[in-house]
């Protein structure tokens, strides 16, 4: 059986889930809509969000399987919040 190498994954980081009130046993999110890196790729700043200076791991990660010859899809789960 031949393998299908025409697919790959598009990774997108969406809304921030960093709980800013965790120290006081509360639950407060900033509501920011999409991760925007502070620095260039291959630097440490690339993993820090430009909006609230949180780490990329706090943002919801979405992986979409796409074919190589297909344009990258636009993912819009929470369009009411601003993006970069």
N, C-alpha and C. Protein backbone atom coordinates (compact mmCIF):
# COMPACT_ATOMS: atom_id res chain seq x y z
N UNK A 1 0.85 -1.18 0.00
CA UNK A 1 0.00 0.00 0.00
C UNK A 1 0.89 1.24 0.00
N UNK A 2 0.64 2.14 -0.89
CA UNK A 2 1.44 3.36 -1.02
C UNK A 2 1.01 4.38 0.03
N UNK A 3 1.98 5.10 0.59
CA UNK A 3 1.64 6.13 1.56
C UNK A 3 1.31 7.43 0.84
N UNK A 4 0.47 8.22 1.45
CA UNK A 4 0.06 9.49 0.87
C UNK A 4 0.87 10.60 1.53
N UNK A 5 1.85 11.15 0.82
CA UNK A 5 2.70 12.21 1.35
C UNK A 5 2.23 13.60 0.94
N UNK A 6 1.00 13.73 0.47
CA UNK A 6 0.49 15.02 0.01
C UNK A 6 -0.16 15.82 1.13
N UNK A 7 -0.07 15.37 2.37
CA UNK A 7 -0.73 16.08 3.47
C UNK A 7 0.29 16.53 4.49
N UNK A 8 -0.01 17.65 5.10
CA UNK A 8 0.79 18.14 6.22
C UNK A 8 -0.14 18.87 7.17
N UNK A 9 0.39 19.30 8.31
CA UNK A 9 -0.43 19.96 9.31
C UNK A 9 -0.10 21.45 9.38
N UNK A 10 -1.14 22.26 9.42
CA UNK A 10 -1.04 23.69 9.64
C UNK A 10 -1.34 23.93 11.12
N UNK A 11 -0.42 24.56 11.82
CA UNK A 11 -0.59 24.82 13.25
C UNK A 11 -0.89 26.29 13.45
N UNK A 12 -1.93 26.58 14.22
CA UNK A 12 -2.36 27.95 14.49
C UNK A 12 -2.59 28.08 15.99
N UNK A 13 -2.16 29.18 16.58
CA UNK A 13 -2.39 29.44 18.00
C UNK A 13 -3.45 30.53 18.11
N UNK A 14 -4.55 30.20 18.78
CA UNK A 14 -5.68 31.11 18.86
C UNK A 14 -5.76 31.79 20.23
N UNK A 15 -6.95 31.88 20.80
CA UNK A 15 -7.18 32.69 21.99
C UNK A 15 -6.29 32.29 23.17
N UNK A 16 -5.96 33.28 23.96
CA UNK A 16 -5.10 33.10 25.13
C UNK A 16 -5.91 32.52 26.28
N UNK A 17 -5.32 31.54 26.96
CA UNK A 17 -5.98 30.91 28.10
C UNK A 17 -5.18 31.11 29.39
N UNK A 18 -4.35 32.14 29.42
CA UNK A 18 -3.55 32.42 30.61
C UNK A 18 -4.45 32.98 31.70
N UNK A 19 -4.47 32.33 32.86
CA UNK A 19 -5.29 32.75 33.99
C UNK A 19 -4.49 33.75 34.83
N UNK A 20 -4.85 35.02 34.74
CA UNK A 20 -4.11 36.07 35.43
C UNK A 20 -4.44 36.17 36.91
N UNK A 21 -5.48 35.49 37.36
CA UNK A 21 -5.88 35.54 38.76
C UNK A 21 -5.63 34.22 39.48
N UNK A 22 -4.77 33.37 38.96
CA UNK A 22 -4.52 32.05 39.55
C UNK A 22 -3.93 32.16 40.95
N UNK A 23 -3.09 33.15 41.20
CA UNK A 23 -2.46 33.29 42.52
C UNK A 23 -3.48 33.56 43.62
N UNK A 24 -4.57 34.22 43.28
CA UNK A 24 -5.60 34.52 44.28
C UNK A 24 -6.80 33.58 44.15
N UNK A 25 -6.59 32.41 43.55
CA UNK A 25 -7.62 31.39 43.36
C UNK A 25 -8.81 31.89 42.55
N UNK A 26 -8.58 32.84 41.67
CA UNK A 26 -9.63 33.35 40.79
C UNK A 26 -9.45 32.84 39.37
N UNK A 27 -10.25 33.37 38.47
CA UNK A 27 -10.17 32.95 37.07
C UNK A 27 -10.44 34.16 36.19
N UNK A 28 -9.39 34.74 35.61
CA UNK A 28 -9.52 35.92 34.76
C UNK A 28 -8.66 35.71 33.51
N UNK A 29 -9.29 35.79 32.35
CA UNK A 29 -8.59 35.69 31.07
C UNK A 29 -8.58 37.05 30.41
N UNK A 30 -7.55 37.31 29.58
CA UNK A 30 -7.49 38.61 28.91
C UNK A 30 -8.40 38.67 27.69
N UNK A 31 -8.79 37.53 27.13
CA UNK A 31 -9.71 37.50 26.00
C UNK A 31 -9.07 37.80 24.67
N UNK A 32 -7.75 37.83 24.62
CA UNK A 32 -7.09 38.13 23.36
C UNK A 32 -7.31 37.00 22.37
N UNK A 33 -7.51 37.33 21.10
CA UNK A 33 -7.97 36.38 20.10
C UNK A 33 -6.94 35.51 19.42
N UNK A 34 -5.70 35.94 19.25
CA UNK A 34 -4.74 35.15 18.49
C UNK A 34 -3.32 35.47 18.93
N UNK A 35 -2.46 34.46 18.89
CA UNK A 35 -1.06 34.63 19.26
C UNK A 35 -0.31 35.38 18.17
N UNK A 36 0.45 36.40 18.56
CA UNK A 36 1.31 37.15 17.65
C UNK A 36 2.70 37.19 18.25
N UNK A 37 3.69 36.57 17.61
CA UNK A 37 5.03 36.54 18.19
C UNK A 37 5.67 37.92 18.28
N UNK A 38 6.46 38.11 19.33
CA UNK A 38 7.17 39.37 19.53
C UNK A 38 8.39 39.49 18.64
N UNK A 39 9.13 38.39 18.49
CA UNK A 39 10.39 38.43 17.75
C UNK A 39 10.36 37.59 16.48
N UNK A 40 11.52 37.52 15.86
CA UNK A 40 11.68 36.77 14.62
C UNK A 40 11.79 35.27 14.91
N UNK A 41 11.49 34.43 13.91
CA UNK A 41 11.67 32.99 14.11
C UNK A 41 13.11 32.67 14.50
N UNK A 42 13.26 31.58 15.22
CA UNK A 42 14.56 31.10 15.71
C UNK A 42 15.15 31.99 16.80
N UNK A 43 14.32 32.81 17.45
CA UNK A 43 14.75 33.58 18.62
C UNK A 43 13.81 33.23 19.77
N UNK A 44 14.23 33.50 20.99
CA UNK A 44 13.37 33.23 22.14
C UNK A 44 12.13 34.11 22.16
N UNK A 45 12.25 35.32 21.61
CA UNK A 45 11.11 36.24 21.59
C UNK A 45 9.98 35.75 20.69
N UNK A 46 10.28 34.80 19.81
CA UNK A 46 9.26 34.26 18.91
C UNK A 46 8.15 33.54 19.68
N UNK A 47 8.44 33.08 20.91
CA UNK A 47 7.47 32.33 21.70
C UNK A 47 6.72 33.21 22.70
N UNK A 48 6.97 34.52 22.67
CA UNK A 48 6.30 35.46 23.57
C UNK A 48 5.28 36.26 22.77
N UNK A 49 4.05 36.36 23.30
CA UNK A 49 2.97 37.07 22.61
C UNK A 49 3.18 38.58 22.72
N UNK A 50 3.00 39.26 21.62
CA UNK A 50 3.19 40.71 21.58
C UNK A 50 2.09 41.46 22.33
N UNK A 51 0.92 40.86 22.48
CA UNK A 51 -0.20 41.56 23.11
C UNK A 51 -0.05 41.68 24.63
N UNK A 52 0.16 40.55 25.30
CA UNK A 52 0.20 40.54 26.76
C UNK A 52 1.48 39.93 27.32
N UNK A 53 2.45 39.64 26.48
CA UNK A 53 3.74 39.08 26.87
C UNK A 53 3.62 37.74 27.59
N UNK A 54 2.61 36.96 27.21
CA UNK A 54 2.48 35.61 27.74
C UNK A 54 3.19 34.64 26.78
N UNK A 55 3.43 33.42 27.23
CA UNK A 55 4.11 32.43 26.40
C UNK A 55 3.12 31.79 25.43
N UNK A 56 3.64 31.31 24.32
CA UNK A 56 2.83 30.66 23.28
C UNK A 56 2.04 29.48 23.83
N UNK A 57 2.55 28.79 24.83
CA UNK A 57 1.86 27.62 25.39
C UNK A 57 0.53 27.96 26.05
N UNK A 58 0.30 29.23 26.39
CA UNK A 58 -0.97 29.62 26.99
C UNK A 58 -2.09 29.75 25.94
N UNK A 59 -1.73 29.78 24.69
CA UNK A 59 -2.71 29.95 23.62
C UNK A 59 -3.22 28.61 23.13
N UNK A 60 -4.49 28.56 22.76
CA UNK A 60 -5.11 27.33 22.25
C UNK A 60 -4.46 26.94 20.93
N UNK A 61 -3.99 25.71 20.86
CA UNK A 61 -3.32 25.21 19.67
C UNK A 61 -4.31 24.41 18.82
N UNK A 62 -4.37 24.75 17.53
CA UNK A 62 -5.26 24.06 16.59
C UNK A 62 -4.40 23.52 15.45
N UNK A 63 -4.55 22.23 15.16
CA UNK A 63 -3.84 21.61 14.04
C UNK A 63 -4.86 21.18 13.00
N UNK A 64 -4.61 21.57 11.75
CA UNK A 64 -5.50 21.23 10.65
C UNK A 64 -4.69 20.48 9.60
N UNK A 65 -5.17 19.32 9.19
CA UNK A 65 -4.48 18.55 8.16
C UNK A 65 -4.89 19.08 6.79
N UNK A 66 -3.91 19.46 5.99
CA UNK A 66 -4.16 20.00 4.65
C UNK A 66 -3.28 19.30 3.64
N UNK A 67 -3.68 19.36 2.39
CA UNK A 67 -2.87 18.80 1.32
C UNK A 67 -1.83 19.82 0.89
N UNK A 68 -0.71 19.36 0.36
CA UNK A 68 0.39 20.26 -0.03
C UNK A 68 -0.02 21.25 -1.10
N UNK A 69 -0.85 20.88 -2.02
CA UNK A 69 -1.19 21.76 -3.13
C UNK A 69 -2.36 22.68 -2.82
N UNK A 70 -2.88 22.62 -1.60
CA UNK A 70 -4.02 23.43 -1.21
C UNK A 70 -3.52 24.66 -0.47
N UNK A 71 -4.14 25.81 -0.71
CA UNK A 71 -3.80 27.04 0.00
C UNK A 71 -4.07 26.83 1.49
N UNK A 72 -3.32 27.50 2.35
CA UNK A 72 -3.53 27.41 3.78
C UNK A 72 -4.90 27.97 4.14
N UNK A 73 -5.70 27.20 4.89
CA UNK A 73 -7.04 27.67 5.23
C UNK A 73 -6.98 28.78 6.27
N UNK A 74 -7.99 29.62 6.26
CA UNK A 74 -8.11 30.66 7.26
C UNK A 74 -8.94 30.09 8.39
N UNK A 75 -8.39 30.11 9.60
CA UNK A 75 -9.09 29.57 10.75
C UNK A 75 -9.62 30.74 11.56
N UNK A 76 -10.91 30.80 11.75
CA UNK A 76 -11.52 31.88 12.52
C UNK A 76 -12.52 31.27 13.47
N UNK A 77 -12.08 31.00 14.69
CA UNK A 77 -12.97 30.41 15.68
C UNK A 77 -13.63 31.50 16.52
N UNK A 78 -12.92 32.57 16.78
CA UNK A 78 -13.43 33.64 17.63
C UNK A 78 -13.22 34.98 16.94
N UNK A 79 -14.01 35.28 15.90
CA UNK A 79 -13.77 36.48 15.11
C UNK A 79 -14.07 37.79 15.81
N UNK A 80 -14.73 37.77 16.98
CA UNK A 80 -15.08 39.02 17.64
C UNK A 80 -13.88 39.68 18.29
N UNK A 81 -12.80 38.92 18.55
CA UNK A 81 -11.60 39.49 19.16
C UNK A 81 -10.63 39.90 18.08
N UNK A 82 -9.85 40.92 18.36
CA UNK A 82 -8.86 41.40 17.40
C UNK A 82 -7.72 40.43 17.22
N UNK A 83 -7.08 40.53 16.08
CA UNK A 83 -5.88 39.74 15.82
C UNK A 83 -4.76 40.68 15.45
N UNK A 84 -3.58 40.16 15.27
CA UNK A 84 -2.40 41.00 14.99
C UNK A 84 -2.50 41.72 13.70
